[in-house]
Amino acid sequence: MSTVLFWFRNDLRLHDQSALHAACQLGAQHLLPVVCLPDVQATTAWGFARIGPHRRAWLANTIQNLLQGLSSKRSQLLILNQPATRALPALARAVGATTIVCEDIAAPEEQAEVAALRAAGLQVRTVWHSSLLHPQHLPWPVQRLPAVFTPFRQQIEQVGLQPAAPLPPPAALPPAPPGVPNAWLDDSAQTLAALAGTPPAADARSAFPYLQGALHGGEAAALAHLHQYLARGLPHSYKRTRNDLLGLDYSSKWSPWLATGALSPRQALAQLRQFEAEHGASDGSYWLWFELLWRDYFRFLHLQHGPALYRARGLGPQRATPHDAQRFAAWCAGRTGQPLVDAAMRELAATGYLSNRLRQVAASYLIHDLACDWRAGAAWFEAQLLDYDVYSNQGNWLYIAGRGTDPRGGRRFDPIKQAATYDPDGAYQRLWGSP
């Protein structure tokens, strides 16, 4: 085996890179890292762009940092502006490769990509590394995963299961193969600029003012943010503030980097455990572990149920809700007439970010008050959120819609009550009361 292709997917980092380590261990003479950009012209079934401007800008910034990181290892990153199913077979032929190594992603579209590459005659080795815990190390086979999160968490904690230590970045990487067309390597800046497009204007009201200050995409900024969050002792206040609506520090803000894989969850937890060893554990630091476990749970649900999570009825018996296009459009634009929901949707459109509490309130309102198809809402969040994660997005929308594993049959959040609890003085609604 002379050349192996390493295909970066949602794991855009060098630290704790199990898949990259696996690729290096194959003993190939040459290794060519490659990333395939999403189709920015793709639209959803509801007529809007599948990947919006915030995600585009954040992803381009993340890939730029990865390119720099690989360059420091005397490696290269080939950036291809084509679907993987078309680009990678052609690339493999050009450089004489037959093997691709990549992250294992349990969502249907991502699984279909791997199947298509194998059908094209390529050997594709997938490596699971997006969760804290490896599915093979769970107390039960993944097909017997508890149907509710709480028993899952309790059993994990009862047996004392902890993730493996994160891997260090590779000290060196095999060189790129000869014969890679220079034009493919020289177009990186132009290709990334096309992906980024014209980023939306910065909004001073944002709770996550990305591409400003230290809040850039990529591994370097992710690790710096993690370090400063811990150095300031913020884990101790996390449980108390995590449902707040205003400000950068009310939540950890790890999710934008976790979503692209620029930050490994095992790295985040390892540094959190070191923080607890030095400064003591608390309800707040425990709750960060709790949230990372929720993230794992949605991943394991995909391994258990696969495409069933993408049906209109999800895991339940209910048929699809008739979709009201006018109500949906009003919801997207923040013009429903419900003040808290409208403020939330305006923040989302303007900044690409929204607190977890408001994501729940807005999703609930679309499903239970406006009686729209939950899948349209999930697609809108996919387009808008710069921290979009296929597992968590699908899992949370199913949870709110009562089509997932929640035994309560759906979660309706009363926006008036939520506003009274989390925005009692109306500060958030005033801040986002107009576009």
Protein backbone atom coordinates (compact mmCIF):
# COMPACT_ATOMS: atom_id res chain seq x y z
CA MET A 1 0.00 0.00 0.00
CA SER A 2 1.77 3.15 -1.20
CA THR A 3 -0.90 5.87 -0.73
CA VAL A 4 -3.81 6.28 1.68
CA LEU A 5 -6.39 9.05 1.48
CA PHE A 6 -7.49 10.51 4.79
CA TRP A 7 -10.92 12.06 4.44
CA PHE A 8 -11.75 14.70 7.05
CA ARG A 9 -15.49 14.84 7.78
CA ASN A 10 -16.86 16.26 11.06
CA ASP A 11 -13.49 15.76 12.79
CA LEU A 12 -11.54 18.84 11.70
CA ARG A 13 -8.67 18.60 14.20
CA LEU A 14 -5.32 16.96 14.86
CA HIS A 15 -5.63 16.29 18.61
CA ASP A 16 -7.42 13.12 19.70
CA GLN A 17 -7.65 12.06 16.08
CA SER A 18 -8.21 8.31 16.31
CA ALA A 19 -9.03 8.03 12.61
CA LEU A 20 -5.86 9.84 11.57
CA HIS A 21 -3.80 7.65 13.89
CA ALA A 22 -5.42 4.58 12.30
CA ALA A 23 -4.51 5.87 8.85
CA CYS A 24 -0.89 6.39 9.86
CA GLN A 25 -0.71 2.88 11.33
CA LEU A 26 -1.49 1.29 7.98
CA GLY A 27 2.15 1.79 7.02
CA ALA A 28 1.51 3.57 3.75
CA GLN A 29 4.37 5.45 2.15
CA HIS A 30 2.17 8.45 1.41
CA LEU A 31 -0.84 10.02 3.12
CA LEU A 32 -3.04 12.62 1.49
CA PRO A 33 -5.48 14.48 3.78
CA VAL A 34 -8.55 15.73 1.94
CA VAL A 35 -11.78 17.54 2.77
CA CYS A 36 -14.82 17.72 0.48
CA LEU A 37 -16.86 20.89 0.81
CA PRO A 38 -20.64 20.84 1.07
CA ASP A 39 -22.77 21.93 -1.84
CA VAL A 40 -23.69 25.50 -0.91
CA GLN A 41 -26.30 25.56 -3.69
CA ALA A 42 -28.27 22.65 -2.21
CA THR A 43 -31.78 23.45 -1.01
CA THR A 44 -34.14 21.67 1.35
CA ALA A 45 -37.55 20.22 0.58
CA TRP A 46 -38.97 23.47 2.02
CA GLY A 47 -37.20 25.70 -0.45
CA PHE A 48 -34.37 27.35 1.50
CA ALA A 49 -30.61 26.85 1.37
CA ARG A 50 -29.48 23.79 3.25
CA ILE A 51 -26.37 25.46 4.63
CA GLY A 52 -26.78 29.09 5.58
CA PRO A 53 -24.26 31.95 5.74
CA HIS A 54 -23.26 31.52 9.38
CA ARG A 55 -22.39 27.84 8.94
CA ARG A 56 -20.56 28.57 5.71
CA ALA A 57 -18.36 31.23 7.30
CA TRP A 58 -17.63 29.15 10.40
CA LEU A 59 -16.77 26.03 8.40
CA ALA A 60 -14.47 27.92 6.04
CA ASN A 61 -12.65 29.44 9.00
CA THR A 62 -12.34 26.01 10.61
CA ILE A 63 -10.89 24.40 7.50
CA GLN A 64 -8.42 27.27 7.11
CA ASN A 65 -7.10 26.53 10.59
CA LEU A 66 -6.87 22.83 9.82
CA LEU A 67 -4.87 23.61 6.68
CA GLN A 68 -2.43 25.61 8.78
CA GLY A 69 -2.18 22.82 11.36
CA LEU A 70 -1.36 20.24 8.71
CA SER A 71 1.18 22.57 7.16
CA SER A 72 2.96 22.73 10.52
CA LYS A 73 3.25 18.92 10.30
CA ARG A 74 4.76 19.26 6.79
CA SER A 75 1.60 17.85 5.33
CA GLN A 76 -0.99 19.24 2.96
CA LEU A 77 -4.75 19.51 2.90
CA LEU A 78 -6.46 19.01 -0.41
CA ILE A 79 -9.74 20.96 -0.47
CA LEU A 80 -12.19 19.68 -3.07
CA ASN A 81 -15.30 21.60 -3.98
CA GLN A 82 -17.18 18.50 -5.08
CA PRO A 83 -19.27 15.80 -3.39
CA ALA A 84 -17.13 13.07 -1.85
CA THR A 85 -18.82 10.37 -3.89
CA ARG A 86 -17.55 12.00 -7.09
CA ALA A 87 -14.34 13.64 -5.95
CA LEU A 88 -12.70 10.83 -3.98
CA PRO A 89 -12.82 8.05 -6.61
CA ALA A 90 -11.29 10.48 -9.14
CA LEU A 91 -8.63 11.56 -6.66
CA ALA A 92 -7.83 7.96 -5.74
CA ARG A 93 -7.27 7.13 -9.41
CA ALA A 94 -5.05 10.20 -9.87
CA VAL A 95 -2.70 9.31 -6.99
CA GLY A 96 -2.92 5.51 -7.14
CA ALA A 97 -4.76 5.04 -3.85
CA THR A 98 -7.21 2.25 -3.08
CA THR A 99 -7.82 2.92 0.62
CA ILE A 100 -9.66 5.75 2.35
CA VAL A 101 -9.76 6.23 6.14
CA CYS A 102 -12.40 8.46 7.67
CA GLU A 103 -14.67 9.13 10.62
CA ASP A 104 -17.66 6.85 11.08
CA ILE A 105 -20.87 8.92 11.09
CA ALA A 106 -24.07 7.03 11.83
CA ALA A 107 -26.51 9.35 10.01
CA PRO A 108 -28.17 8.07 6.81
CA GLU A 109 -26.64 10.49 4.27
CA GLU A 110 -23.17 10.03 5.67
CA GLN A 111 -23.59 6.25 5.68
CA ALA A 112 -24.74 6.40 2.06
CA GLU A 113 -21.56 8.29 1.10
CA VAL A 114 -19.38 5.51 2.47
CA ALA A 115 -21.50 2.86 0.75
CA ALA A 116 -21.15 4.68 -2.59
CA LEU A 117 -17.37 4.87 -2.25
CA ARG A 118 -17.20 1.17 -1.52
CA ALA A 119 -19.43 0.46 -4.50
CA ALA A 120 -16.91 2.43 -6.59
CA GLY A 121 -14.25 -0.13 -5.65
CA LEU A 122 -12.50 1.73 -2.83
CA GLN A 123 -11.61 0.22 0.52
CA VAL A 124 -13.08 2.53 3.16
CA ARG A 125 -12.05 2.09 6.78
CA THR A 126 -14.26 4.04 9.17
CA VAL A 127 -13.28 4.91 12.74
CA TRP A 128 -15.78 5.95 15.42
CA HIS A 129 -14.48 8.87 17.47
CA SER A 130 -17.15 11.55 17.89
CA SER A 131 -18.33 10.53 21.36
CA LEU A 132 -16.87 10.51 24.86
CA LEU A 133 -17.53 6.80 25.26
CA HIS A 134 -16.95 4.21 22.59
CA PRO A 135 -20.10 2.25 21.74
CA GLN A 136 -18.20 -1.02 22.16
CA HIS A 137 -17.40 -0.14 25.77
CA LEU A 138 -21.00 0.45 26.90
CA PRO A 139 -22.49 -1.84 29.57
CA TRP A 140 -24.87 -3.25 26.94
CA PRO A 141 -24.84 -3.78 23.16
CA VAL A 142 -25.91 -0.56 21.47
CA GLN A 143 -29.07 -2.30 20.18
CA ARG A 144 -30.14 -2.65 23.82
CA LEU A 145 -29.53 1.01 24.65
CA PRO A 146 -31.97 2.24 27.34
CA ALA A 147 -34.94 3.94 25.71
CA VAL A 148 -34.65 6.96 28.03
CA PHE A 149 -31.61 9.08 28.81
CA THR A 150 -31.82 8.96 32.63
CA PRO A 151 -31.38 5.15 32.96
CA PHE A 152 -28.59 5.38 30.38
CA ARG A 153 -26.75 8.00 32.44
CA GLN A 154 -27.38 6.21 35.74
CA GLN A 155 -26.00 2.92 34.50
CA ILE A 156 -22.95 4.60 32.99
CA GLU A 157 -22.25 6.25 36.33
CA GLN A 158 -23.01 3.12 38.37
CA VAL A 159 -20.37 1.08 36.55
CA GLY A 160 -17.94 4.02 36.64
CA LEU A 161 -17.43 4.08 32.88
CA GLN A 162 -15.04 6.79 31.77
CA PRO A 163 -13.67 7.64 28.34
CA ALA A 164 -10.19 6.75 27.23
CA ALA A 165 -7.57 9.46 27.48
CA PRO A 166 -7.42 11.74 24.43
CA LEU A 167 -4.66 11.06 21.93
CA PRO A 168 -1.95 13.67 21.35
CA PRO A 169 -1.58 15.17 17.88
CA PRO A 170 0.62 13.05 15.61
CA ALA A 171 4.28 14.02 15.83
CA ALA A 172 4.63 13.69 12.07
CA LEU A 173 2.62 12.52 9.09
CA PRO A 174 3.67 10.59 5.97
CA PRO A 175 4.33 12.90 3.03
CA ALA A 176 1.79 13.58 0.33
CA PRO A 177 2.10 11.43 -2.77
CA PRO A 178 3.68 12.74 -5.95
CA GLY A 179 1.42 13.44 -8.85
CA VAL A 180 -1.22 15.53 -7.09
CA PRO A 181 -2.13 18.19 -9.66
CA ASN A 182 -0.75 21.54 -8.53
CA ALA A 183 -3.98 23.23 -9.49
CA TRP A 184 -5.79 21.13 -6.90
CA LEU A 185 -3.36 22.23 -4.19
CA ASP A 186 -3.09 25.88 -5.19
CA ASP A 187 -6.78 26.72 -5.18
CA SER A 188 -7.30 26.42 -1.42
CA ALA A 189 -7.70 30.14 -0.71
CA GLN A 190 -10.10 30.65 -3.59
CA THR A 191 -12.09 27.54 -2.71
CA LEU A 192 -12.45 28.54 0.95
CA ALA A 193 -13.44 32.07 -0.03
CA ALA A 194 -16.19 30.62 -2.23
CA LEU A 195 -17.39 28.48 0.67
CA ALA A 196 -17.40 31.39 3.12
CA GLY A 197 -19.27 33.65 0.72
CA THR A 198 -20.11 37.00 2.26
CA PRO A 199 -20.41 36.47 6.03
CA PRO A 200 -23.29 38.30 7.69
CA ALA A 201 -22.41 41.57 9.38
CA ALA A 202 -21.33 41.18 12.97
CA ASP A 203 -24.12 41.86 15.45
CA ALA A 204 -23.05 43.34 18.77
CA ARG A 205 -26.01 41.67 20.47
CA SER A 206 -24.73 38.16 19.76
CA ALA A 207 -24.17 35.67 22.60
CA PHE A 208 -21.50 34.07 20.43
CA PRO A 209 -19.83 36.77 18.29
CA TYR A 210 -17.96 34.36 16.03
CA LEU A 211 -15.00 35.41 13.88
CA GLN A 212 -14.42 38.24 16.36
CA GLY A 213 -11.79 38.41 19.08
CA ALA A 214 -10.77 34.88 20.05
CA LEU A 215 -13.93 33.19 18.76
CA HIS A 216 -12.60 31.78 15.51
CA GLY A 217 -13.22 28.41 13.95
CA GLY A 218 -10.73 25.59 14.19
CA GLU A 219 -8.66 23.65 16.65
CA ALA A 220 -6.38 26.43 17.88
CA ALA A 221 -9.27 28.67 18.93
CA ALA A 222 -11.18 25.70 20.36
CA LEU A 223 -8.36 24.74 22.70
CA ALA A 224 -7.76 28.37 23.65
CA HIS A 225 -11.44 28.85 24.48
CA LEU A 226 -11.52 25.67 26.55
CA HIS A 227 -8.44 26.82 28.47
CA GLN A 228 -9.81 30.27 29.26
CA TYR A 229 -13.21 28.90 30.26
CA LEU A 230 -11.58 26.63 32.82
CA ALA A 231 -9.00 29.20 33.94
CA ARG A 232 -11.81 31.60 34.84
CA GLY A 233 -13.52 28.98 37.00
CA LEU A 234 -16.69 29.09 34.92
CA PRO A 235 -17.58 25.38 35.30
CA HIS A 236 -18.65 26.10 38.88
CA SER A 237 -21.38 28.47 37.70
CA TYR A 238 -22.48 26.46 34.67
CA LYS A 239 -25.56 24.76 36.16
CA ARG A 240 -26.81 28.05 37.60
CA THR A 241 -26.40 30.07 34.41
CA ARG A 242 -26.83 27.55 31.58
CA ASN A 243 -30.45 28.59 30.93
CA ASP A 244 -29.69 32.30 30.82
CA LEU A 245 -30.36 34.09 27.56
CA LEU A 246 -27.84 36.93 27.37
CA GLY A 247 -24.05 37.06 27.27
CA LEU A 248 -21.10 34.95 26.23
CA ASP A 249 -20.44 33.26 29.58
CA TYR A 250 -23.88 31.93 30.51
CA SER A 251 -23.01 28.60 28.88
CA SER A 252 -19.76 26.88 27.94
CA LYS A 253 -19.99 27.74 24.22
CA TRP A 254 -18.08 24.51 23.44
CA SER A 255 -20.70 23.41 20.94
CA PRO A 256 -19.52 25.40 17.85
CA TRP A 257 -16.16 23.63 18.01
CA LEU A 258 -17.57 20.25 19.02
CA ALA A 259 -19.92 20.43 16.02
CA THR A 260 -17.11 20.66 13.47
CA GLY A 261 -14.89 18.28 15.40
CA ALA A 262 -12.34 21.04 16.01
CA LEU A 263 -12.66 20.10 19.69
CA SER A 264 -12.73 16.49 20.84
CA PRO A 265 -15.23 15.74 23.62
CA ARG A 266 -12.59 13.53 25.26
CA GLN A 267 -10.17 16.45 25.29
CA ALA A 268 -12.83 18.71 26.82
CA LEU A 269 -13.63 16.20 29.54
CA ALA A 270 -9.98 15.42 30.28
CA GLN A 271 -9.29 19.10 30.93
CA LEU A 272 -12.50 19.43 32.93
CA ARG A 273 -11.40 16.51 35.14
CA GLN A 274 -8.03 18.21 35.65
CA PHE A 275 -9.87 21.38 36.62
CA GLU A 276 -11.91 19.42 39.18
CA ALA A 277 -8.75 17.82 40.58
CA GLU A 278 -7.21 21.25 41.12
CA HIS A 279 -10.25 23.32 42.10
CA GLY A 280 -12.82 20.81 43.32
CA ALA A 281 -15.91 19.34 41.69
CA SER A 282 -19.28 21.06 41.88
CA ASP A 283 -22.83 20.78 40.59
CA GLY A 284 -21.76 23.01 37.72
CA SER A 285 -18.79 20.92 36.64
CA TYR A 286 -20.90 17.77 36.97
CA TRP A 287 -23.51 19.29 34.68
CA LEU A 288 -20.95 19.70 31.90
CA TRP A 289 -20.32 15.95 32.09
CA PHE A 290 -24.10 15.49 32.08
CA GLU A 291 -24.47 17.49 28.87
CA LEU A 292 -21.62 15.64 27.16
CA LEU A 293 -23.37 12.38 28.04
CA TRP A 294 -26.58 13.70 26.41
CA ARG A 295 -24.49 14.34 23.31
CA ASP A 296 -23.24 10.74 23.42
CA TYR A 297 -26.77 9.41 23.90
CA PHE A 298 -28.03 11.00 20.69
CA ARG A 299 -25.12 9.40 18.83
CA PHE A 300 -25.84 5.97 20.21
CA LEU A 301 -29.54 6.38 19.32
CA HIS A 302 -28.41 6.73 15.71
CA LEU A 303 -26.45 3.51 15.96
CA GLN A 304 -29.52 1.83 17.40
CA HIS A 305 -32.26 3.20 15.15
CA GLY A 306 -30.52 4.64 12.07
CA PRO A 307 -32.86 5.91 9.31
CA ALA A 308 -35.96 5.44 11.49
CA LEU A 309 -34.99 8.68 13.24
CA TYR A 310 -35.55 10.54 9.97
CA ARG A 311 -39.09 9.33 9.26
CA ALA A 312 -41.98 11.72 9.72
CA ARG A 313 -43.23 9.61 12.59
CA GLY A 314 -39.74 9.02 13.99
CA LEU A 315 -39.91 6.20 16.50
CA GLY A 316 -43.59 6.74 17.26
CA PRO A 317 -46.89 5.81 15.64
CA GLN A 318 -47.97 9.34 14.67
CA ARG A 319 -48.23 10.34 11.05
CA ALA A 320 -46.67 13.49 9.64
CA THR A 321 -48.26 16.74 10.69
CA PRO A 322 -49.81 18.67 7.77
CA HIS A 323 -47.42 21.49 7.04
CA ASP A 324 -48.52 25.12 7.04
CA ALA A 325 -46.07 27.02 4.84
CA GLN A 326 -47.30 30.47 5.90
CA ARG A 327 -47.00 29.77 9.60
CA PHE A 328 -43.59 28.22 9.05
CA ALA A 329 -42.37 31.26 7.09
CA ALA A 330 -43.58 33.55 9.88
CA TRP A 331 -41.74 31.43 12.45
CA CYS A 332 -38.50 31.52 10.45
CA ALA A 333 -38.74 35.30 10.10
CA GLY A 334 -39.60 35.92 13.77
CA ARG A 335 -43.07 37.25 12.93
CA THR A 336 -45.43 34.90 14.72
CA GLY A 337 -46.65 37.50 17.17
CA GLN A 338 -45.31 35.58 20.16
CA PRO A 339 -42.65 37.92 21.63
CA LEU A 340 -40.19 35.41 23.09
CA VAL A 341 -40.31 33.09 20.08
CA ASP A 342 -39.94 35.98 17.64
CA ALA A 343 -36.98 37.39 19.56
CA ALA A 344 -35.33 33.96 19.52
CA MET A 345 -35.79 33.49 15.78
CA ARG A 346 -34.39 36.95 15.07
CA GLU A 347 -31.32 36.17 17.15
CA LEU A 348 -30.85 32.91 15.29
CA ALA A 349 -31.09 34.56 11.86
CA ALA A 350 -28.78 37.42 12.82
CA THR A 351 -26.07 35.45 14.63
CA GLY A 352 -26.31 31.73 13.83
CA TYR A 353 -26.56 30.99 17.55
CA LEU A 354 -29.32 30.45 20.09
CA SER A 355 -29.34 29.29 23.72
CA ASN A 356 -30.46 25.74 24.39
CA ARG A 357 -33.47 26.96 26.34
CA LEU A 358 -34.68 29.10 23.44
CA ARG A 359 -34.06 26.31 20.93
CA GLN A 360 -36.49 24.22 22.95
CA VAL A 361 -39.05 27.02 23.24
CA ALA A 362 -38.91 27.87 19.53
CA ALA A 363 -39.10 24.23 18.44
CA SER A 364 -42.00 23.55 20.76
CA TYR A 365 -43.91 26.56 19.46
CA LEU A 366 -43.52 25.48 15.85
CA ILE A 367 -44.70 21.95 16.58
CA HIS A 368 -47.34 22.32 19.28
CA ASP A 369 -48.73 25.83 18.73
CA LEU A 370 -48.30 26.38 14.99
CA ALA A 371 -48.89 22.70 14.10
CA CYS A 372 -46.11 22.58 11.51
CA ASP A 373 -44.00 19.63 10.37
CA TRP A 374 -41.14 19.14 12.83
CA ARG A 375 -38.84 18.14 9.99
CA ALA A 376 -39.11 21.63 8.49
CA GLY A 377 -37.98 23.12 11.79
CA ALA A 378 -35.11 20.66 12.04
CA ALA A 379 -34.04 21.64 8.51
CA TRP A 380 -34.19 25.35 9.39
CA PHE A 381 -31.97 24.81 12.42
CA GLU A 382 -29.60 22.76 10.26
CA ALA A 383 -29.29 25.70 7.87
CA GLN A 384 -28.97 28.43 10.48
CA LEU A 385 -27.01 27.08 13.45
CA LEU A 386 -23.25 27.43 13.17
CA ASP A 387 -23.01 24.67 15.81
CA TYR A 388 -25.30 22.34 13.85
CA ASP A 389 -24.69 18.69 14.75
CA VAL A 390 -26.64 16.04 12.87
CA TYR A 391 -27.06 13.78 15.92
CA SER A 392 -28.11 16.41 18.45
CA ASN A 393 -30.31 18.33 16.05
CA GLN A 394 -32.29 15.27 15.03
CA GLY A 395 -32.44 13.90 18.57
CA ASN A 396 -33.64 17.14 20.12
CA TRP A 397 -36.32 17.80 17.50
CA LEU A 398 -37.65 14.26 17.90
CA TYR A 399 -37.64 14.76 21.67
CA ILE A 400 -39.70 17.96 21.47
CA ALA A 401 -42.05 16.45 18.89
CA GLY A 402 -42.69 13.32 20.96
CA ARG A 403 -41.39 11.13 18.16
CA GLY A 404 -38.20 9.99 19.84
CA THR A 405 -37.50 8.16 23.08
CA ASP A 406 -39.09 10.61 25.55
CA PRO A 407 -41.87 8.72 27.38
CA ARG A 408 -43.93 11.87 27.88
CA GLY A 409 -45.01 11.99 24.25
CA GLY A 410 -43.64 15.41 23.37
CA ARG A 411 -42.59 18.48 25.28
CA ARG A 412 -44.60 21.68 24.99
CA PHE A 413 -42.91 24.72 26.44
CA ASP A 414 -45.34 27.51 27.27
CA PRO A 415 -43.58 30.61 25.90
CA ILE A 416 -45.36 32.96 28.31
CA LYS A 417 -44.27 30.90 31.31
CA GLN A 418 -40.75 30.50 29.87
CA ALA A 419 -40.47 34.27 29.42
CA ALA A 420 -41.61 34.85 33.00
CA THR A 421 -39.00 32.40 34.29
CA TYR A 422 -35.99 33.17 32.11
CA ASP A 423 -36.64 36.74 30.94
CA PRO A 424 -38.62 38.22 33.85
CA ASP A 425 -37.58 41.81 33.17
CA GLY A 426 -38.01 41.44 29.39
CA ALA A 427 -34.37 42.36 28.69
CA TYR A 428 -33.90 39.63 26.10
CA GLN A 429 -37.18 40.39 24.32
CA ARG A 430 -36.32 44.09 24.17
CA LEU A 431 -32.83 43.33 22.82
CA TRP A 432 -34.18 41.20 19.98
CA GLY A 433 -37.56 42.87 19.63
CA SER A 434 -36.70 44.16 16.17
CA PRO A 435 -34.56 42.83 13.32
